[in-house]
C-alpha atoms as a PDB file:
ATOM      1  CA  MET A   1      14.673 -15.910  21.004  1.00  0.00           C
ATOM      2  CA  ALA A   2      16.920 -13.561  21.749  1.00  0.00           C
ATOM      3  CA  GLU A   3      16.977 -12.927  25.748  1.00  0.00           C
ATOM      4  CA  ASP A   4      17.531  -8.538  25.253  1.00  0.00           C
ATOM      5  CA  CYS A   5      15.246  -8.151  22.048  1.00  0.00           C
ATOM      6  CA  ILE A   6      12.270  -6.192  22.768  1.00  0.00           C
ATOM      7  CA  PHE A   7      10.674  -7.584  19.509  1.00  0.00           C
ATOM      8  CA  CYS A   8      11.318 -11.463  20.526  1.00  0.00           C
ATOM      9  CA  LYS A   9       9.407  -9.830  24.095  1.00  0.00           C
ATOM     10  CA  ILE A  10       6.211  -8.438  21.628  1.00  0.00           C
ATOM     11  CA  VAL A  11       6.640 -11.877  19.355  1.00  0.00           C
ATOM     12  CA  ALA A  12       6.683 -13.549  23.737  1.00  0.00           C
ATOM     13  CA  GLY A  13       3.413 -11.519  24.097  1.00  0.00           C
ATOM     14  CA  ASP A  14       5.538  -9.935  27.550  1.00  0.00           C
ATOM     15  CA  ILE A  15       4.877  -6.301  25.489  1.00  0.00           C
ATOM     16  CA  PRO A  16       1.563  -4.967  24.330  1.00  0.00           C
ATOM     17  CA  ILE A  17       1.506  -3.821  20.481  1.00  0.00           C
ATOM     18  CA  ARG A  18      -1.536  -2.586  18.490  1.00  0.00           C
ATOM     19  CA  GLN A  19      -1.380  -5.672  16.451  1.00  0.00           C
ATOM     20  CA  VAL A  20      -2.274  -5.414  12.765  1.00  0.00           C
ATOM     21  CA  TYR A  21      -1.593  -9.138  11.837  1.00  0.00           C
ATOM     22  CA  ALA A  22      -0.835 -12.262  13.060  1.00  0.00           C
ATOM     23  CA  ASP A  23       0.037 -15.880  11.725  1.00  0.00           C
ATOM     24  CA  ASP A  24       2.383 -18.895  12.929  1.00  0.00           C
ATOM     25  CA  GLU A  25       5.323 -16.941  11.105  1.00  0.00           C
ATOM     26  CA  LEU A  26       4.829 -13.035  11.163  1.00  0.00           C
ATOM     27  CA  LEU A  27       3.472  -9.847  13.487  1.00  0.00           C
ATOM     28  CA  ALA A  28       2.719  -6.987  12.357  1.00  0.00           C
ATOM     29  CA  PHE A  29       1.950  -3.912  14.608  1.00  0.00           C
ATOM     30  CA  HIS A  30       1.779  -0.013  14.618  1.00  0.00           C
ATOM     31  CA  ASP A  31       4.941   1.416  15.105  1.00  0.00           C
ATOM     32  CA  VAL A  32       5.322   3.262  18.615  1.00  0.00           C
ATOM     33  CA  SER A  33       7.499   6.149  17.389  1.00  0.00           C
ATOM     34  CA  PRO A  34       5.623   6.424  13.619  1.00  0.00           C
ATOM     35  CA  GLN A  35       7.607   8.497  11.118  1.00  0.00           C
ATOM     36  CA  ALA A  36       4.360   9.037   8.730  1.00  0.00           C
ATOM     37  CA  PRO A  37       0.517   8.833   9.313  1.00  0.00           C
ATOM     38  CA  VAL A  38       0.824   5.026   8.885  1.00  0.00           C
ATOM     39  CA  HIS A  39       3.745   2.887  10.078  1.00  0.00           C
ATOM     40  CA  ILE A  40       3.519  -0.501  10.423  1.00  0.00           C
ATOM     41  CA  LEU A  41       6.225  -2.854  11.584  1.00  0.00           C
ATOM     42  CA  VAL A  42       6.086  -6.323  10.068  1.00  0.00           C
ATOM     43  CA  ILE A  43       8.880  -8.761  12.116  1.00  0.00           C
ATOM     44  CA  PRO A  44       8.672 -12.515  11.925  1.00  0.00           C
ATOM     45  CA  ARG A  45       8.605 -14.605  15.126  1.00  0.00           C
ATOM     46  CA  LYS A  46      11.780 -15.992  14.730  1.00  0.00           C
ATOM     47  CA  HIS A  47      14.831 -14.044  15.768  1.00  0.00           C
ATOM     48  CA  ILE A  48      17.200 -12.887  12.899  1.00  0.00           C
ATOM     49  CA  SER A  49      19.446 -10.111  13.842  1.00  0.00           C
ATOM     50  CA  ASN A  50      19.452  -8.425  10.297  1.00  0.00           C
ATOM     51  CA  MET A  51      19.542  -9.535   6.667  1.00  0.00           C
ATOM     52  CA  ASN A  52      23.412 -10.354   7.211  1.00  0.00           C
ATOM     53  CA  GLU A  53      22.371 -13.141   9.238  1.00  0.00           C
ATOM     54  CA  ALA A  54      19.667 -14.542   7.104  1.00  0.00           C
ATOM     55  CA  ALA A  55      19.868 -17.975   5.544  1.00  0.00           C
ATOM     56  CA  ALA A  56      18.732 -19.326   2.107  1.00  0.00           C
ATOM     57  CA  ALA A  57      16.318 -21.157   4.488  1.00  0.00           C
ATOM     58  CA  ASP A  58      15.158 -18.123   5.552  1.00  0.00           C
ATOM     59  CA  GLN A  59      13.886 -17.053   1.868  1.00  0.00           C
ATOM     60  CA  PRO A  60      10.269 -18.394   2.365  1.00  0.00           C
ATOM     61  CA  LEU A  61      10.035 -16.255   5.395  1.00  0.00           C
ATOM     62  CA  LEU A  62      11.530 -13.401   4.085  1.00  0.00           C
ATOM     63  CA  GLY A  63       8.824 -13.482   1.055  1.00  0.00           C
ATOM     64  CA  ALA A  64       6.643 -13.661   3.031  1.00  0.00           C
ATOM     65  CA  MET A  65       7.397 -11.049   5.058  1.00  0.00           C
ATOM     66  CA  LEU A  66       6.914  -9.037   1.649  1.00  0.00           C
ATOM     67  CA  LEU A  67       3.610 -10.103   0.422  1.00  0.00           C
ATOM     68  CA  ARG A  68       2.061  -9.791   3.871  1.00  0.00           C
ATOM     69  CA  ALA A  69       3.840  -6.152   4.101  1.00  0.00           C
ATOM     70  CA  ALA A  70       1.893  -5.360   0.493  1.00  0.00           C
ATOM     71  CA  ALA A  71      -1.386  -6.560   2.097  1.00  0.00           C
ATOM     72  CA  ILE A  72      -1.385  -4.691   4.876  1.00  0.00           C
ATOM     73  CA  ALA A  73      -0.659  -1.282   2.633  1.00  0.00           C
ATOM     74  CA  LYS A  74      -3.783  -2.218   0.666  1.00  0.00           C
ATOM     75  CA  GLN A  75      -5.632  -2.829   4.159  1.00  0.00           C
ATOM     76  CA  GLN A  76      -4.238   0.243   5.428  1.00  0.00           C
ATOM     77  CA  GLY A  77      -5.834   2.060   2.228  1.00  0.00           C
ATOM     78  CA  LEU A  78      -1.962   3.037   0.690  1.00  0.00           C
ATOM     79  CA  ALA A  79      -2.121   1.061  -2.295  1.00  0.00           C
ATOM     80  CA  GLU A  80      -3.371   3.739  -4.072  1.00  0.00           C
ATOM     81  CA  SER A  81      -1.128   6.219  -3.881  1.00  0.00           C
ATOM     82  CA  GLY A  82       1.780   4.167  -2.652  1.00  0.00           C
ATOM     83  CA  TYR A  83       4.176   3.471   0.353  1.00  0.00           C
ATOM     84  CA  ARG A  84       7.333   2.722   1.349  1.00  0.00           C
ATOM     85  CA  LEU A  85       8.856  -0.684   2.102  1.00  0.00           C
ATOM     86  CA  ALA A  86      12.340  -0.190   3.995  1.00  0.00           C
ATOM     87  CA  LEU A  87      14.193  -3.078   5.775  1.00  0.00           C
ATOM     88  CA  ASN A  88      17.338  -1.733   7.519  1.00  0.00           C
ATOM     89  CA  THR A  89      20.551  -3.779   8.149  1.00  0.00           C
ATOM     90  CA  GLY A  90      23.531  -2.300  10.545  1.00  0.00           C
ATOM     91  CA  PRO A  91      23.576   1.351  12.779  1.00  0.00           C
ATOM     92  CA  ASP A  92      24.966   3.046  10.131  1.00  0.00           C
ATOM     93  CA  ALA A  93      21.252   2.321   7.947  1.00  0.00           C
ATOM     94  CA  GLY A  94      19.179   3.220  11.309  1.00  0.00           C
ATOM     95  CA  GLN A  95      18.880  -0.327  12.702  1.00  0.00           C
ATOM     96  CA  SER A  96      17.936   0.258  15.885  1.00  0.00           C
ATOM     97  CA  VAL A  97      16.827  -2.816  16.770  1.00  0.00           C
ATOM     98  CA  PHE A  98      18.125  -6.076  15.776  1.00  0.00           C
ATOM     99  CA  HIS A  99      15.374  -8.155  15.136  1.00  0.00           C
ATOM    100  CA  ILE A 100      14.855  -8.352  11.292  1.00  0.00           C
ATOM    101  CA  HIS A 101      11.672  -5.694  10.306  1.00  0.00           C
ATOM    102  CA  LEU A 102      10.051  -4.512   7.416  1.00  0.00           C
ATOM    103  CA  HIS A 103       8.351  -0.758   7.615  1.00  0.00           C
ATOM    104  CA  ILE A 104       5.523   0.082   6.052  1.00  0.00           C
ATOM    105  CA  LEU A 105       5.394   3.696   5.141  1.00  0.00           C
ATOM    106  CA  GLY A 106       2.786   5.611   3.808  1.00  0.00           C
ATOM    107  CA  GLY A 107      -0.651   8.116   4.099  1.00  0.00           C
ATOM    108  CA  GLN A 108       1.545  11.121   2.986  1.00  0.00           C
ATOM    109  CA  ARG A 109       3.935  11.825   0.338  1.00  0.00           C
ATOM    110  CA  LEU A 110       7.655  10.568   1.887  1.00  0.00           C
ATOM    111  CA  GLU A 111      10.711  12.777   1.348  1.00  0.00           C
ATOM    112  CA  GLY A 112      13.690  11.345   0.001  1.00  0.00           C
ATOM    113  CA  ARG A 113      13.481   9.742  -3.511  1.00  0.00           C
ATOM    114  CA  MET A 114      15.439   6.161  -3.274  1.00  0.00           C
ATOM    115  CA  GLY A 115      14.412   4.958  -6.917  1.00  0.00           C
END
C-alpha cells in the first residue's frame, strides 16, 4: 500500500465508494467525477503506479482487470451499444491517480475516435 495513494485508501476501506464489484484481487466502483453516464473504475488491490511499473508477474492481474471490465460493462447494459476502456499512463496521458486503473465509459456516444 502506498501511504499517500487515494486508491490504496479505498482498498483499505478508509474512503467510501459506490462499489460495483470486489474480489481478492480487484475492486470496481463508480467514478466520483463521471465523464459519461456510466463511468466505473476497475483497480487492482495491489498498488502498481502505472503500466510502466507493471511487471511480467502482473500479467494475470492485468488480464483479470480487462475481463472483469467487460463483464461489468455487460452488467451495466453497455455491451450492445459499446463502451470505451481507458488506461492512462503518466501525466501527459491524463493520469491523475498514480495507482493503475481502468476506466469503463459508456451510456452515450463517446466523442473522439481512437481507432
